[in-house]
Amino acid sequence: MINALVDDGEAGRAARKAIMTDLVWMAPGHMPSEVARVITRLVRQDLITASNDEVIIHRTRRQ
């Protein structure tokens, strides 16, 4: 999920394709909080920028 949201490269494209191709998948109930935790860590480590945050928000709203 993280790759689908933050990676603009091959891994991100592959993850988004997998999510959009297989519409029946399961995740634990705490998955959204884990995704938020990882994204927060990436921001704190300066591995993604504020502009990446906007992309993430846009992608999650489209899903």
N, C-alpha and C. Protein backbone atom coordinates (compact mmCIF):
# COMPACT_ATOMS: atom_id res chain seq x y z
N MET A 1 0.82 -1.17 0.00
CA MET A 1 0.00 0.00 0.00
C MET A 1 0.87 1.25 0.00
N ILE A 2 1.94 1.22 0.77
CA ILE A 2 2.82 2.39 0.82
C ILE A 2 3.40 2.66 -0.57
N ASN A 3 3.88 1.63 -1.24
CA ASN A 3 4.41 1.84 -2.60
C ASN A 3 3.35 2.43 -3.51
N ALA A 4 2.13 1.96 -3.41
CA ALA A 4 1.06 2.47 -4.26
C ALA A 4 0.82 3.95 -4.01
N LEU A 5 1.01 4.39 -2.80
CA LEU A 5 0.73 5.77 -2.45
C LEU A 5 1.89 6.73 -2.68
N VAL A 6 3.12 6.28 -2.42
CA VAL A 6 4.23 7.24 -2.43
C VAL A 6 5.27 7.02 -3.52
N ASP A 7 5.30 5.87 -4.14
CA ASP A 7 6.34 5.58 -5.12
C ASP A 7 5.87 5.93 -6.52
N ASP A 8 6.60 6.84 -7.17
CA ASP A 8 6.26 7.22 -8.54
C ASP A 8 6.99 6.37 -9.58
N GLY A 9 7.79 5.43 -9.10
CA GLY A 9 8.56 4.59 -10.01
C GLY A 9 7.85 3.29 -10.34
N GLU A 10 8.64 2.33 -10.77
CA GLU A 10 8.12 1.03 -11.20
C GLU A 10 7.38 0.30 -10.08
N ALA A 11 7.94 0.33 -8.87
CA ALA A 11 7.29 -0.36 -7.75
C ALA A 11 5.92 0.24 -7.46
N GLY A 12 5.82 1.55 -7.51
CA GLY A 12 4.54 2.21 -7.28
C GLY A 12 3.52 1.89 -8.36
N ARG A 13 3.97 1.91 -9.61
CA ARG A 13 3.07 1.57 -10.71
C ARG A 13 2.58 0.14 -10.60
N ALA A 14 3.48 -0.77 -10.25
CA ALA A 14 3.10 -2.17 -10.10
C ALA A 14 2.11 -2.35 -8.94
N ALA A 15 2.35 -1.65 -7.84
CA ALA A 15 1.45 -1.76 -6.69
C ALA A 15 0.07 -1.20 -7.03
N ARG A 16 0.02 -0.05 -7.70
CA ARG A 16 -1.28 0.52 -8.09
C ARG A 16 -2.02 -0.38 -9.06
N LYS A 17 -1.28 -0.99 -9.98
CA LYS A 17 -1.90 -1.90 -10.93
C LYS A 17 -2.48 -3.12 -10.21
N ALA A 18 -1.73 -3.65 -9.25
CA ALA A 18 -2.20 -4.82 -8.50
C ALA A 18 -3.47 -4.47 -7.72
N ILE A 19 -3.48 -3.31 -7.10
CA ILE A 19 -4.65 -2.89 -6.32
C ILE A 19 -5.86 -2.69 -7.22
N MET A 20 -5.66 -2.08 -8.37
CA MET A 20 -6.77 -1.79 -9.27
C MET A 20 -7.23 -3.02 -10.05
N THR A 21 -6.34 -3.98 -10.26
CA THR A 21 -6.68 -5.18 -11.01
C THR A 21 -7.46 -6.16 -10.14
N ASP A 22 -6.99 -6.36 -8.93
CA ASP A 22 -7.63 -7.30 -8.00
C ASP A 22 -8.50 -6.49 -7.04
N LEU A 23 -9.78 -6.37 -7.35
CA LEU A 23 -10.66 -5.53 -6.55
C LEU A 23 -11.17 -6.22 -5.29
N VAL A 24 -10.86 -7.50 -5.13
CA VAL A 24 -11.27 -8.23 -3.94
C VAL A 24 -10.01 -8.58 -3.15
N TRP A 25 -9.73 -7.80 -2.15
CA TRP A 25 -8.57 -8.06 -1.30
C TRP A 25 -8.92 -7.65 0.12
N MET A 26 -8.15 -8.20 1.04
CA MET A 26 -8.43 -7.97 2.45
C MET A 26 -7.20 -7.38 3.13
N ALA A 27 -7.48 -6.60 4.15
CA ALA A 27 -6.40 -6.03 4.96
C ALA A 27 -6.90 -5.99 6.40
N PRO A 28 -6.00 -6.03 7.35
CA PRO A 28 -6.43 -5.95 8.74
C PRO A 28 -7.03 -4.57 9.03
N GLY A 29 -7.88 -4.51 10.03
CA GLY A 29 -8.54 -3.26 10.38
C GLY A 29 -7.59 -2.14 10.74
N HIS A 30 -6.40 -2.48 11.21
CA HIS A 30 -5.44 -1.44 11.59
C HIS A 30 -4.58 -0.97 10.41
N MET A 31 -4.83 -1.48 9.21
CA MET A 31 -4.01 -1.11 8.05
C MET A 31 -3.97 0.40 7.82
N PRO A 32 -5.10 1.14 7.87
CA PRO A 32 -5.02 2.59 7.64
C PRO A 32 -4.10 3.30 8.64
N SER A 33 -4.14 2.89 9.91
CA SER A 33 -3.27 3.55 10.88
C SER A 33 -1.81 3.17 10.65
N GLU A 34 -1.54 1.97 10.21
CA GLU A 34 -0.17 1.57 9.90
C GLU A 34 0.36 2.35 8.69
N VAL A 35 -0.49 2.53 7.68
CA VAL A 35 -0.10 3.32 6.51
C VAL A 35 0.21 4.75 6.94
N ALA A 36 -0.65 5.33 7.77
CA ALA A 36 -0.43 6.70 8.26
C ALA A 36 0.87 6.78 9.06
N ARG A 37 1.15 5.76 9.86
CA ARG A 37 2.38 5.75 10.66
C ARG A 37 3.62 5.74 9.77
N VAL A 38 3.59 4.91 8.72
CA VAL A 38 4.74 4.83 7.82
C VAL A 38 4.91 6.13 7.05
N ILE A 39 3.81 6.71 6.59
CA ILE A 39 3.90 7.97 5.85
C ILE A 39 4.45 9.07 6.76
N THR A 40 4.00 9.10 8.00
CA THR A 40 4.53 10.08 8.96
C THR A 40 6.02 9.90 9.15
N ARG A 41 6.45 8.65 9.25
CA ARG A 41 7.89 8.38 9.40
C ARG A 41 8.67 8.84 8.17
N LEU A 42 8.13 8.60 6.98
CA LEU A 42 8.80 9.04 5.76
C LEU A 42 8.92 10.55 5.69
N VAL A 43 7.90 11.26 6.14
CA VAL A 43 7.95 12.73 6.17
C VAL A 43 9.01 13.19 7.17
N ARG A 44 9.01 12.60 8.35
CA ARG A 44 9.99 12.99 9.38
C ARG A 44 11.42 12.73 8.94
N GLN A 45 11.62 11.70 8.15
CA GLN A 45 12.95 11.36 7.67
C GLN A 45 13.29 12.11 6.38
N ASP A 46 12.40 13.01 5.96
CA ASP A 46 12.58 13.79 4.72
C ASP A 46 12.73 12.90 3.49
N LEU A 47 12.07 11.75 3.50
CA LEU A 47 12.11 10.86 2.35
C LEU A 47 10.97 11.16 1.37
N ILE A 48 9.94 11.85 1.85
CA ILE A 48 8.91 12.38 0.98
C ILE A 48 8.69 13.84 1.37
N THR A 49 8.23 14.64 0.42
CA THR A 49 8.08 16.07 0.65
C THR A 49 6.62 16.44 0.86
N ALA A 50 6.40 17.71 1.14
CA ALA A 50 5.03 18.19 1.31
C ALA A 50 4.23 17.97 0.04
N SER A 51 4.86 18.11 -1.12
CA SER A 51 4.12 17.86 -2.36
C SER A 51 3.72 16.40 -2.46
N ASN A 52 4.53 15.50 -1.93
CA ASN A 52 4.15 14.08 -1.90
C ASN A 52 2.92 13.87 -1.02
N ASP A 53 2.81 14.63 0.07
CA ASP A 53 1.63 14.53 0.93
C ASP A 53 0.37 14.82 0.13
N GLU A 54 0.41 15.84 -0.72
CA GLU A 54 -0.75 16.19 -1.53
C GLU A 54 -1.10 15.07 -2.50
N VAL A 55 -0.10 14.44 -3.09
CA VAL A 55 -0.32 13.32 -4.00
C VAL A 55 -0.96 12.16 -3.24
N ILE A 56 -0.47 11.88 -2.05
CA ILE A 56 -1.01 10.79 -1.23
C ILE A 56 -2.47 11.04 -0.92
N ILE A 57 -2.78 12.25 -0.49
CA ILE A 57 -4.17 12.58 -0.17
C ILE A 57 -5.05 12.43 -1.40
N HIS A 58 -4.58 12.90 -2.55
CA HIS A 58 -5.35 12.78 -3.79
C HIS A 58 -5.58 11.31 -4.15
N ARG A 59 -4.54 10.50 -4.05
CA ARG A 59 -4.65 9.08 -4.40
C ARG A 59 -5.61 8.34 -3.47
N THR A 60 -5.57 8.65 -2.19
CA THR A 60 -6.44 7.94 -1.26
C THR A 60 -7.90 8.35 -1.46
N ARG A 61 -8.13 9.56 -1.85
CA ARG A 61 -9.51 9.99 -2.10
C ARG A 61 -10.07 9.37 -3.36
N ARG A 62 -9.24 9.11 -4.35
CA ARG A 62 -9.70 8.49 -5.59
C ARG A 62 -10.07 7.04 -5.37
N GLN A 63 -9.41 6.36 -4.46
CA GLN A 63 -9.61 4.94 -4.24
C GLN A 63 -10.91 4.70 -3.65
